[in-house]
Protein backbone atom coordinates (compact mmCIF):
# COMPACT_ATOMS: atom_id res chain seq x y z
CA MET A 1 0.00 0.00 0.00
CA ALA A 2 1.07 3.58 -0.55
CA LYS A 3 2.53 5.67 2.22
CA GLY A 4 0.24 8.28 3.68
CA THR A 5 -2.20 8.95 6.42
CA THR A 6 -3.62 6.23 8.57
CA VAL A 7 -7.37 5.80 8.31
CA GLN A 8 -9.11 4.20 11.24
CA SER A 9 -12.19 2.45 9.97
CA GLY A 10 -13.82 1.57 13.25
CA ILE A 11 -11.65 -1.39 14.12
CA ALA A 12 -8.68 -1.65 11.79
CA ASP A 13 -6.11 0.93 10.68
CA VAL A 14 -5.08 0.98 7.03
CA LYS A 15 -2.19 3.17 5.94
CA GLY A 16 -2.73 4.99 2.65
CA LEU A 17 -6.35 3.86 2.23
CA ARG A 18 -7.80 7.24 1.24
CA ARG A 19 -5.01 7.92 -1.22
CA PHE A 20 -5.42 4.48 -2.79
CA GLN A 21 -9.20 4.90 -3.12
CA ARG A 22 -8.79 8.37 -4.62
CA THR A 23 -6.27 7.01 -7.15
CA LEU A 24 -8.66 4.22 -8.15
CA ARG A 25 -11.54 6.68 -8.59
CA GLU A 26 -9.34 8.95 -10.74
CA ALA A 27 -8.44 5.91 -12.88
CA GLY A 28 -12.14 5.29 -13.47
CA ASP A 29 -12.80 2.53 -10.97
CA ASP A 30 -16.12 2.68 -9.08
CA LEU A 31 -14.76 0.64 -6.11
CA SER A 32 -17.63 -1.85 -6.41
CA ASP A 33 -15.20 -4.76 -5.93
CA PHE A 34 -14.33 -3.37 -2.52
CA LYS A 35 -17.94 -3.61 -1.37
CA GLU A 36 -17.74 -7.37 -1.86
CA ALA A 37 -14.31 -7.57 -0.18
CA ASN A 38 -15.51 -5.46 2.76
CA THR A 39 -18.59 -7.62 3.17
CA ARG A 40 -16.52 -10.82 3.08
CA ALA A 41 -14.04 -9.42 5.63
CA ALA A 42 -16.84 -8.35 7.97
CA LYS A 43 -18.46 -11.81 7.66
CA ILE A 44 -15.15 -13.32 8.83
CA VAL A 45 -15.12 -11.17 11.97
CA GLU A 46 -18.85 -11.44 12.80
CA PRO A 47 -18.98 -14.96 14.35
CA VAL A 48 -15.88 -14.32 16.45
CA ALA A 49 -17.32 -11.02 17.70
CA ARG A 50 -20.56 -12.80 18.53
CA SER A 51 -18.70 -15.43 20.54
CA LYS A 52 -16.64 -12.81 22.40
CA ALA A 53 -19.63 -10.64 23.34
CA PRO A 54 -20.30 -10.63 27.09
CA ALA A 55 -23.33 -12.79 27.79
CA ARG A 56 -25.87 -12.41 30.52
CA SER A 57 -29.03 -12.94 28.54
CA GLY A 58 -27.45 -13.51 25.12
CA ARG A 59 -29.23 -10.54 23.52
CA LEU A 60 -26.00 -8.61 22.94
CA ALA A 61 -24.39 -11.52 21.09
CA ALA A 62 -27.58 -12.05 19.08
CA SER A 63 -27.53 -8.39 17.98
CA VAL A 64 -24.07 -8.62 16.35
CA ARG A 65 -24.28 -8.29 12.56
CA SER A 66 -22.00 -7.33 9.69
CA SER A 67 -22.18 -5.44 6.42
CA GLY A 68 -19.92 -3.92 3.84
CA THR A 69 -19.81 -0.71 1.85
CA LYS A 70 -17.39 0.56 -0.77
CA GLN A 71 -15.50 2.30 2.04
CA ALA A 72 -15.41 -0.21 4.91
CA GLY A 73 -16.49 -3.50 6.40
CA VAL A 74 -18.69 -2.86 9.42
CA ILE A 75 -19.52 -4.89 12.52
CA ARG A 76 -22.54 -3.57 14.39
CA ALA A 77 -23.97 -4.57 17.74
CA GLY A 78 -27.05 -3.36 19.51
CA SER A 79 -30.53 -2.25 18.56
CA ALA A 80 -33.50 -0.56 20.16
CA ARG A 81 -33.89 -3.64 22.35
CA VAL A 82 -30.12 -3.74 23.10
CA PRO A 83 -29.26 -0.04 23.62
CA TYR A 84 -26.34 -0.81 25.94
CA ALA A 85 -24.08 -2.40 23.28
CA GLY A 86 -21.96 0.73 22.83
CA VAL A 87 -21.52 1.18 26.56
CA ILE A 88 -20.42 -2.44 26.98
CA HIS A 89 -17.96 -2.20 24.09
CA PHE A 90 -16.49 1.28 24.67
CA GLY A 91 -17.16 1.87 28.37
CA THR A 92 -18.05 5.20 29.95
CA GLU A 93 -14.63 6.64 30.81
CA ARG A 94 -15.13 9.51 28.34
CA ALA A 95 -18.91 9.81 28.60
CA LYS A 96 -20.50 13.25 28.59
CA ASN A 97 -24.03 12.13 29.47
CA PRO A 98 -24.47 12.64 33.25
CA PHE A 99 -26.29 9.30 33.53
CA TRP A 100 -23.20 7.39 32.38
CA VAL A 101 -20.64 9.64 34.07
CA LYS A 102 -21.92 8.43 37.45
CA ARG A 103 -21.62 4.80 36.38
CA ARG A 104 -18.01 4.19 35.48
CA ILE A 105 -18.05 1.13 33.25
CA THR A 106 -14.83 -0.25 31.84
CA GLY A 107 -15.16 -1.06 28.17
CA ARG A 108 -14.91 -4.62 26.92
CA PRO A 109 -14.09 -4.19 23.21
CA PHE A 110 -15.25 -7.59 21.97
CA ALA A 111 -15.62 -6.52 18.31
CA ALA A 112 -12.16 -4.93 18.20
CA ALA A 113 -10.66 -8.03 19.79
CA ALA A 114 -12.41 -10.22 17.22
CA ALA A 115 -11.07 -8.09 14.37
CA LYS A 116 -7.54 -8.29 15.74
CA GLU A 117 -7.79 -12.04 16.25
CA THR A 118 -9.02 -12.68 12.70
CA GLU A 119 -6.76 -10.12 11.01
CA PRO A 120 -4.57 -12.61 9.10
CA THR A 121 -7.67 -14.06 7.45
CA TRP A 122 -9.45 -10.86 6.45
CA ALA A 123 -6.20 -9.10 5.50
CA ARG A 124 -5.80 -11.68 2.71
CA VAL A 125 -9.27 -10.76 1.43
CA TYR A 126 -8.23 -7.10 1.20
CA GLN A 127 -4.87 -7.92 -0.36
CA ASP A 128 -6.61 -9.96 -3.06
CA ALA A 129 -9.04 -7.09 -3.74
CA VAL A 130 -6.20 -4.56 -3.96
CA ASP A 131 -4.17 -6.80 -6.28
CA LYS A 132 -7.23 -7.35 -8.48
CA ALA A 133 -7.93 -3.61 -8.67
CA ILE A 134 -4.31 -2.80 -9.54
CA LYS A 135 -4.26 -5.43 -12.29
CA ARG A 136 -7.53 -4.12 -13.69
CA ILE A 137 -6.26 -0.52 -13.75
CA GLN A 138 -2.90 -1.48 -15.28
CA GLY A 139 -4.63 -3.54 -17.94
CA ALA A 140 -7.07 -0.76 -18.83
């Protein structure tokens, strides 16, 4: 990958990502292949994140889902019935809401841990997508 700024896409840091995407768009690529790669990478992380989610009732683990866009693979947790997912994952050390400031909760970043644990697998997915895009642009 090209040198440049580090982009933090929720869980993983990719150096030179914005510059690479801009270069592909300038070359006429619509980045549609990356939506598939991002979805596949997120699907790799999803079951591990589900298994690492703290379980009292099991609703938090059941709310873990994944998706992909042209820009990033996304792991989401929580819903209207599971509004505490963000608090469990990130904690309340930096909370501004007075309700959470009183209740100091240490974060348990289960999704980030799952992404780190599965990184060798999903990194290959991204490498394949980057190689494919470079070959397509060079051949065009």
